[in-house]
Amino acid sequence: MNTDKQGRGVVMPGLRRVVLGVVLVAAAMVWPGAAPPAAADPDAGVPCTVVGAFTYGPGLGPVPAAQAVGGGLTVTCVLVGDEAGVWTLPFAGTSVEGCLGGEGTELWAAAATGPEGPVTGGGFTYVRAGLTMDLYGTINAAAEVHQLVAHIDWLPVGPFCVPPTVAGVTVSGLGVITD
């Protein structure tokens, strides 16, 4: 400890500056009009499992062709946030697809529902290469537009790409829903 000429303890000048700096920072955090600390967004990315089925007409063959696509997804999200729960998402749309891959655009059907009530719009696009599909979409519910992203396995019902065609598949994978 430092002392003055009379032997009294003296606080070092550098320490005074550190203490003053800490006091000023603390005051700025609670001073009226100061910006509050940002709260964590509970909807910043709710993890989900995705299962479902796709049907194709006329059916997938070895050469990519236009398809009418229908089916449904069940997206089950966990943890916290208003997206947590089960989303039941029937869909219909089109694709240009063959056994080895393709891409499509689907819209949610009127019967689609989720933890926030009826789904009022949205849909998804997907790209598939072999047995892997990446899905990107929106879900409109409760005056919010939610983003859905999923990476799923595409599992043909029956033999893979054996004539005449693949008419149906099941899907299973992981995704996330955010606001």
C-alpha atoms as a PDB file:
ATOM      1  CA  MET A   1       0.000   0.000   0.000  1.00  0.00           C
ATOM      2  CA  ASN A   2       1.237   3.493  -0.774  1.00  0.00           C
ATOM      3  CA  THR A   3       1.535   6.038   2.052  1.00  0.00           C
ATOM      4  CA  ASP A   4       1.856   9.802   2.171  1.00  0.00           C
ATOM      5  CA  LYS A   5       4.498  11.734   4.182  1.00  0.00           C
ATOM      6  CA  GLN A   6       2.505  11.316   7.382  1.00  0.00           C
ATOM      7  CA  GLY A   7       2.270   7.520   6.924  1.00  0.00           C
ATOM      8  CA  ARG A   8      -1.400   7.430   6.006  1.00  0.00           C
ATOM      9  CA  GLY A   9      -2.624   4.947   3.406  1.00  0.00           C
ATOM     10  CA  VAL A  10      -3.242   6.470  -0.006  1.00  0.00           C
ATOM     11  CA  VAL A  11      -5.269   4.984  -2.829  1.00  0.00           C
ATOM     12  CA  MET A  12      -3.238   4.865  -6.012  1.00  0.00           C
ATOM     13  CA  PRO A  13      -4.341   7.417  -8.667  1.00  0.00           C
ATOM     14  CA  GLY A  14      -4.681   4.657 -11.330  1.00  0.00           C
ATOM     15  CA  LEU A  15      -7.105   2.705  -9.157  1.00  0.00           C
ATOM     16  CA  ARG A  16      -9.240   5.844  -8.721  1.00  0.00           C
ATOM     17  CA  ARG A  17      -9.597   6.111 -12.497  1.00  0.00           C
ATOM     18  CA  VAL A  18     -10.643   2.450 -12.808  1.00  0.00           C
ATOM     19  CA  VAL A  19     -13.262   2.790 -10.054  1.00  0.00           C
ATOM     20  CA  LEU A  20     -14.584   6.031 -11.597  1.00  0.00           C
ATOM     21  CA  GLY A  21     -14.815   4.338 -15.010  1.00  0.00           C
ATOM     22  CA  VAL A  22     -16.791   1.415 -13.586  1.00  0.00           C
ATOM     23  CA  VAL A  23     -19.186   3.809 -11.804  1.00  0.00           C
ATOM     24  CA  LEU A  24     -19.756   5.829 -15.000  1.00  0.00           C
ATOM     25  CA  VAL A  25     -20.442   2.708 -17.072  1.00  0.00           C
ATOM     26  CA  ALA A  26     -22.889   1.400 -14.452  1.00  0.00           C
ATOM     27  CA  ALA A  27     -24.641   4.788 -14.343  1.00  0.00           C
ATOM     28  CA  ALA A  28     -24.995   4.824 -18.130  1.00  0.00           C
ATOM     29  CA  MET A  29     -26.688   1.417 -17.989  1.00  0.00           C
ATOM     30  CA  VAL A  30     -29.390   2.542 -15.552  1.00  0.00           C
ATOM     31  CA  TRP A  31     -29.686   6.205 -16.478  1.00  0.00           C
ATOM     32  CA  PRO A  32     -33.200   7.169 -17.711  1.00  0.00           C
ATOM     33  CA  GLY A  33     -33.324   7.106 -21.500  1.00  0.00           C
ATOM     34  CA  ALA A  34     -30.420   4.701 -21.813  1.00  0.00           C
ATOM     35  CA  ALA A  35     -31.069   1.829 -24.180  1.00  0.00           C
ATOM     36  CA  PRO A  36     -32.065  -1.330 -22.311  1.00  0.00           C
ATOM     37  CA  PRO A  37     -29.985  -4.425 -22.888  1.00  0.00           C
ATOM     38  CA  ALA A  38     -31.272  -6.517 -25.785  1.00  0.00           C
ATOM     39  CA  ALA A  39     -33.467  -9.416 -24.672  1.00  0.00           C
ATOM     40  CA  ALA A  40     -32.840 -12.830 -26.173  1.00  0.00           C
ATOM     41  CA  ASP A  41     -35.395 -13.687 -28.853  1.00  0.00           C
ATOM     42  CA  PRO A  42     -37.059 -16.975 -27.855  1.00  0.00           C
ATOM     43  CA  ASP A  43     -38.022 -17.460 -31.524  1.00  0.00           C
ATOM     44  CA  ALA A  44     -34.487 -17.130 -32.838  1.00  0.00           C
ATOM     45  CA  GLY A  45     -34.493 -20.698 -34.138  1.00  0.00           C
ATOM     46  CA  VAL A  46     -36.763 -23.414 -32.780  1.00  0.00           C
ATOM     47  CA  PRO A  47     -35.373 -26.890 -33.661  1.00  0.00           C
ATOM     48  CA  CYS A  48     -37.819 -29.255 -35.330  1.00  0.00           C
ATOM     49  CA  THR A  49     -38.203 -32.759 -36.697  1.00  0.00           C
ATOM     50  CA  VAL A  50     -39.831 -33.095 -40.116  1.00  0.00           C
ATOM     51  CA  VAL A  51     -41.677 -36.186 -41.363  1.00  0.00           C
ATOM     52  CA  GLY A  52     -44.160 -36.616 -44.169  1.00  0.00           C
ATOM     53  CA  ALA A  53     -44.946 -37.933 -47.625  1.00  0.00           C
ATOM     54  CA  PHE A  54     -44.834 -36.721 -51.230  1.00  0.00           C
ATOM     55  CA  THR A  55     -46.875 -38.181 -54.098  1.00  0.00           C
ATOM     56  CA  TYR A  56     -46.020 -37.587 -57.753  1.00  0.00           C
ATOM     57  CA  GLY A  57     -48.159 -37.727 -60.888  1.00  0.00           C
ATOM     58  CA  PRO A  58     -47.573 -39.128 -63.394  1.00  0.00           C
ATOM     59  CA  GLY A  59     -44.606 -40.489 -61.400  1.00  0.00           C
ATOM     60  CA  LEU A  60     -40.846 -40.131 -61.377  1.00  0.00           C
ATOM     61  CA  GLY A  61     -38.803 -41.868 -64.030  1.00  0.00           C
ATOM     62  CA  PRO A  62     -35.172 -41.794 -65.068  1.00  0.00           C
ATOM     63  CA  VAL A  63     -35.656 -38.542 -67.069  1.00  0.00           C
ATOM     64  CA  PRO A  64     -36.793 -35.378 -65.223  1.00  0.00           C
ATOM     65  CA  ALA A  65     -40.333 -34.349 -66.193  1.00  0.00           C
ATOM     66  CA  ALA A  66     -43.135 -32.087 -65.024  1.00  0.00           C
ATOM     67  CA  GLN A  67     -44.995 -33.524 -62.031  1.00  0.00           C
ATOM     68  CA  ALA A  68     -48.082 -32.691 -60.026  1.00  0.00           C
ATOM     69  CA  VAL A  69     -46.992 -33.016 -56.390  1.00  0.00           C
ATOM     70  CA  GLY A  70     -49.064 -33.400 -53.251  1.00  0.00           C
ATOM     71  CA  GLY A  71     -48.623 -34.624 -49.730  1.00  0.00           C
ATOM     72  CA  GLY A  72     -48.091 -33.374 -46.228  1.00  0.00           C
ATOM     73  CA  LEU A  73     -45.458 -32.594 -43.648  1.00  0.00           C
ATOM     74  CA  THR A  74     -45.646 -32.856 -39.877  1.00  0.00           C
ATOM     75  CA  VAL A  75     -43.147 -30.466 -38.313  1.00  0.00           C
ATOM     76  CA  THR A  76     -42.671 -30.933 -34.560  1.00  0.00           C
ATOM     77  CA  CYS A  77     -40.750 -28.124 -32.865  1.00  0.00           C
ATOM     78  CA  VAL A  78     -39.390 -28.205 -29.326  1.00  0.00           C
ATOM     79  CA  LEU A  79     -38.054 -25.830 -26.661  1.00  0.00           C
ATOM     80  CA  VAL A  80     -39.551 -22.358 -26.163  1.00  0.00           C
ATOM     81  CA  GLY A  81     -41.228 -19.840 -28.414  1.00  0.00           C
ATOM     82  CA  ASP A  82     -44.596 -19.528 -30.045  1.00  0.00           C
ATOM     83  CA  GLU A  83     -43.434 -21.863 -32.838  1.00  0.00           C
ATOM     84  CA  ALA A  84     -42.953 -24.776 -30.425  1.00  0.00           C
ATOM     85  CA  GLY A  85     -45.488 -27.540 -31.011  1.00  0.00           C
ATOM     86  CA  VAL A  86     -46.809 -29.515 -33.972  1.00  0.00           C
ATOM     87  CA  TRP A  87     -47.388 -28.005 -37.403  1.00  0.00           C
ATOM     88  CA  THR A  88     -49.603 -30.100 -39.743  1.00  0.00           C
ATOM     89  CA  LEU A  89     -48.869 -28.882 -43.269  1.00  0.00           C
ATOM     90  CA  PRO A  90     -50.659 -30.490 -46.238  1.00  0.00           C
ATOM     91  CA  PHE A  91     -49.427 -29.120 -49.590  1.00  0.00           C
ATOM     92  CA  ALA A  92     -49.853 -29.230 -53.358  1.00  0.00           C
ATOM     93  CA  GLY A  93     -47.831 -27.874 -56.281  1.00  0.00           C
ATOM     94  CA  THR A  94     -45.545 -28.810 -59.114  1.00  0.00           C
ATOM     95  CA  SER A  95     -42.017 -29.990 -59.757  1.00  0.00           C
ATOM     96  CA  VAL A  96     -39.654 -30.890 -62.539  1.00  0.00           C
ATOM     97  CA  GLU A  97     -38.170 -34.052 -61.169  1.00  0.00           C
ATOM     98  CA  GLY A  98     -36.822 -37.480 -61.964  1.00  0.00           C
ATOM     99  CA  CYS A  99     -35.484 -40.335 -59.885  1.00  0.00           C
ATOM    100  CA  LEU A 100     -32.084 -38.710 -59.469  1.00  0.00           C
ATOM    101  CA  GLY A 101     -33.263 -35.241 -58.464  1.00  0.00           C
ATOM    102  CA  GLY A 102     -35.160 -32.122 -59.289  1.00  0.00           C
ATOM    103  CA  GLU A 103     -36.866 -29.135 -57.752  1.00  0.00           C
ATOM    104  CA  GLY A 104     -40.372 -28.044 -56.930  1.00  0.00           C
ATOM    105  CA  THR A 105     -42.621 -25.336 -55.528  1.00  0.00           C
ATOM    106  CA  GLU A 106     -45.505 -26.209 -53.208  1.00  0.00           C
ATOM    107  CA  LEU A 107     -48.204 -24.196 -51.403  1.00  0.00           C
ATOM    108  CA  TRP A 108     -49.747 -25.037 -48.034  1.00  0.00           C
ATOM    109  CA  ALA A 109     -53.343 -26.249 -48.264  1.00  0.00           C
ATOM    110  CA  ALA A 110     -56.213 -24.520 -46.453  1.00  0.00           C
ATOM    111  CA  ALA A 111     -56.257 -27.265 -43.799  1.00  0.00           C
ATOM    112  CA  ALA A 112     -52.706 -26.428 -42.608  1.00  0.00           C
ATOM    113  CA  THR A 113     -52.465 -25.662 -38.884  1.00  0.00           C
ATOM    114  CA  GLY A 114     -49.842 -25.039 -36.254  1.00  0.00           C
ATOM    115  CA  PRO A 115     -49.339 -24.024 -32.628  1.00  0.00           C
ATOM    116  CA  GLU A 116     -50.401 -20.476 -33.524  1.00  0.00           C
ATOM    117  CA  GLY A 117     -53.644 -21.565 -35.200  1.00  0.00           C
ATOM    118  CA  PRO A 118     -54.600 -21.803 -38.880  1.00  0.00           C
ATOM    119  CA  VAL A 119     -51.920 -21.307 -41.515  1.00  0.00           C
ATOM    120  CA  THR A 120     -53.101 -18.485 -43.771  1.00  0.00           C
ATOM    121  CA  GLY A 121     -50.495 -18.717 -46.514  1.00  0.00           C
ATOM    122  CA  GLY A 122     -47.004 -19.581 -47.565  1.00  0.00           C
ATOM    123  CA  GLY A 123     -45.390 -22.652 -48.999  1.00  0.00           C
ATOM    124  CA  PHE A 124     -41.970 -23.968 -49.849  1.00  0.00           C
ATOM    125  CA  THR A 125     -39.477 -24.670 -52.563  1.00  0.00           C
ATOM    126  CA  TYR A 126     -37.131 -27.606 -52.554  1.00  0.00           C
ATOM    127  CA  VAL A 127     -34.110 -28.947 -54.341  1.00  0.00           C
ATOM    128  CA  ARG A 128     -33.404 -32.658 -54.323  1.00  0.00           C
ATOM    129  CA  ALA A 129     -30.239 -34.500 -55.306  1.00  0.00           C
ATOM    130  CA  GLY A 130     -30.601 -38.266 -55.071  1.00  0.00           C
ATOM    131  CA  LEU A 131     -32.012 -39.138 -51.665  1.00  0.00           C
ATOM    132  CA  THR A 132     -31.387 -35.747 -50.015  1.00  0.00           C
ATOM    133  CA  MET A 133     -33.756 -32.773 -50.133  1.00  0.00           C
ATOM    134  CA  ASP A 134     -33.275 -29.187 -48.917  1.00  0.00           C
ATOM    135  CA  LEU A 135     -36.499 -27.342 -48.242  1.00  0.00           C
ATOM    136  CA  TYR A 136     -36.961 -23.567 -47.777  1.00  0.00           C
ATOM    137  CA  GLY A 137     -40.323 -22.019 -47.022  1.00  0.00           C
ATOM    138  CA  THR A 138     -42.583 -19.614 -45.218  1.00  0.00           C
ATOM    139  CA  ILE A 139     -45.521 -20.267 -42.933  1.00  0.00           C
ATOM    140  CA  ASN A 140     -47.989 -17.415 -42.426  1.00  0.00           C
ATOM    141  CA  ALA A 141     -49.820 -17.761 -39.107  1.00  0.00           C
ATOM    142  CA  ALA A 142     -51.003 -15.414 -36.354  1.00  0.00           C
ATOM    143  CA  ALA A 143     -50.073 -12.315 -38.404  1.00  0.00           C
ATOM    144  CA  GLU A 144     -46.447 -13.486 -38.547  1.00  0.00           C
ATOM    145  CA  VAL A 145     -44.347 -14.850 -41.378  1.00  0.00           C
ATOM    146  CA  HIS A 146     -42.263 -17.767 -40.120  1.00  0.00           C
ATOM    147  CA  GLN A 147     -39.266 -19.167 -41.975  1.00  0.00           C
ATOM    148  CA  LEU A 148     -38.916 -22.945 -42.322  1.00  0.00           C
ATOM    149  CA  VAL A 149     -35.617 -24.531 -43.352  1.00  0.00           C
ATOM    150  CA  ALA A 150     -35.132 -28.301 -43.386  1.00  0.00           C
ATOM    151  CA  HIS A 151     -32.670 -30.910 -44.596  1.00  0.00           C
ATOM    152  CA  ILE A 152     -34.514 -34.170 -45.107  1.00  0.00           C
ATOM    153  CA  ASP A 153     -33.996 -37.678 -46.428  1.00  0.00           C
ATOM    154  CA  TRP A 154     -36.162 -38.701 -49.402  1.00  0.00           C
ATOM    155  CA  LEU A 155     -37.147 -42.352 -49.088  1.00  0.00           C
ATOM    156  CA  PRO A 156     -38.948 -43.975 -52.053  1.00  0.00           C
ATOM    157  CA  VAL A 157     -41.839 -46.301 -51.325  1.00  0.00           C
ATOM    158  CA  GLY A 158     -40.815 -49.442 -53.197  1.00  0.00           C
ATOM    159  CA  PRO A 159     -37.814 -49.960 -55.498  1.00  0.00           C
ATOM    160  CA  PHE A 160     -35.793 -46.856 -56.349  1.00  0.00           C
ATOM    161  CA  CYS A 161     -36.063 -45.721 -59.968  1.00  0.00           C
ATOM    162  CA  VAL A 162     -37.203 -49.072 -61.261  1.00  0.00           C
ATOM    163  CA  PRO A 163     -39.697 -48.776 -64.137  1.00  0.00           C
ATOM    164  CA  PRO A 164     -42.443 -47.904 -64.440  1.00  0.00           C
ATOM    165  CA  THR A 165     -42.110 -44.998 -61.949  1.00  0.00           C
ATOM    166  CA  VAL A 166     -41.720 -43.829 -58.365  1.00  0.00           C
ATOM    167  CA  ALA A 167     -45.135 -42.532 -57.333  1.00  0.00           C
ATOM    168  CA  GLY A 168     -44.630 -41.887 -53.627  1.00  0.00           C
ATOM    169  CA  VAL A 169     -41.940 -41.225 -51.045  1.00  0.00           C
ATOM    170  CA  THR A 170     -41.689 -40.615 -47.348  1.00  0.00           C
ATOM    171  CA  VAL A 171     -39.436 -37.920 -45.928  1.00  0.00           C
ATOM    172  CA  SER A 172     -37.705 -37.574 -42.594  1.00  0.00           C
ATOM    173  CA  GLY A 173     -35.209 -35.026 -41.319  1.00  0.00           C
ATOM    174  CA  LEU A 174     -34.415 -31.992 -39.226  1.00  0.00           C
ATOM    175  CA  GLY A 175     -35.311 -28.348 -39.587  1.00  0.00           C
ATOM    176  CA  VAL A 176     -35.795 -25.042 -37.844  1.00  0.00           C
ATOM    177  CA  ILE A 177     -38.599 -22.468 -37.714  1.00  0.00           C
ATOM    178  CA  THR A 178     -37.953 -18.794 -36.950  1.00  0.00           C
ATOM    179  CA  ASP A 179     -39.962 -15.564 -36.977  1.00  0.00           C
END
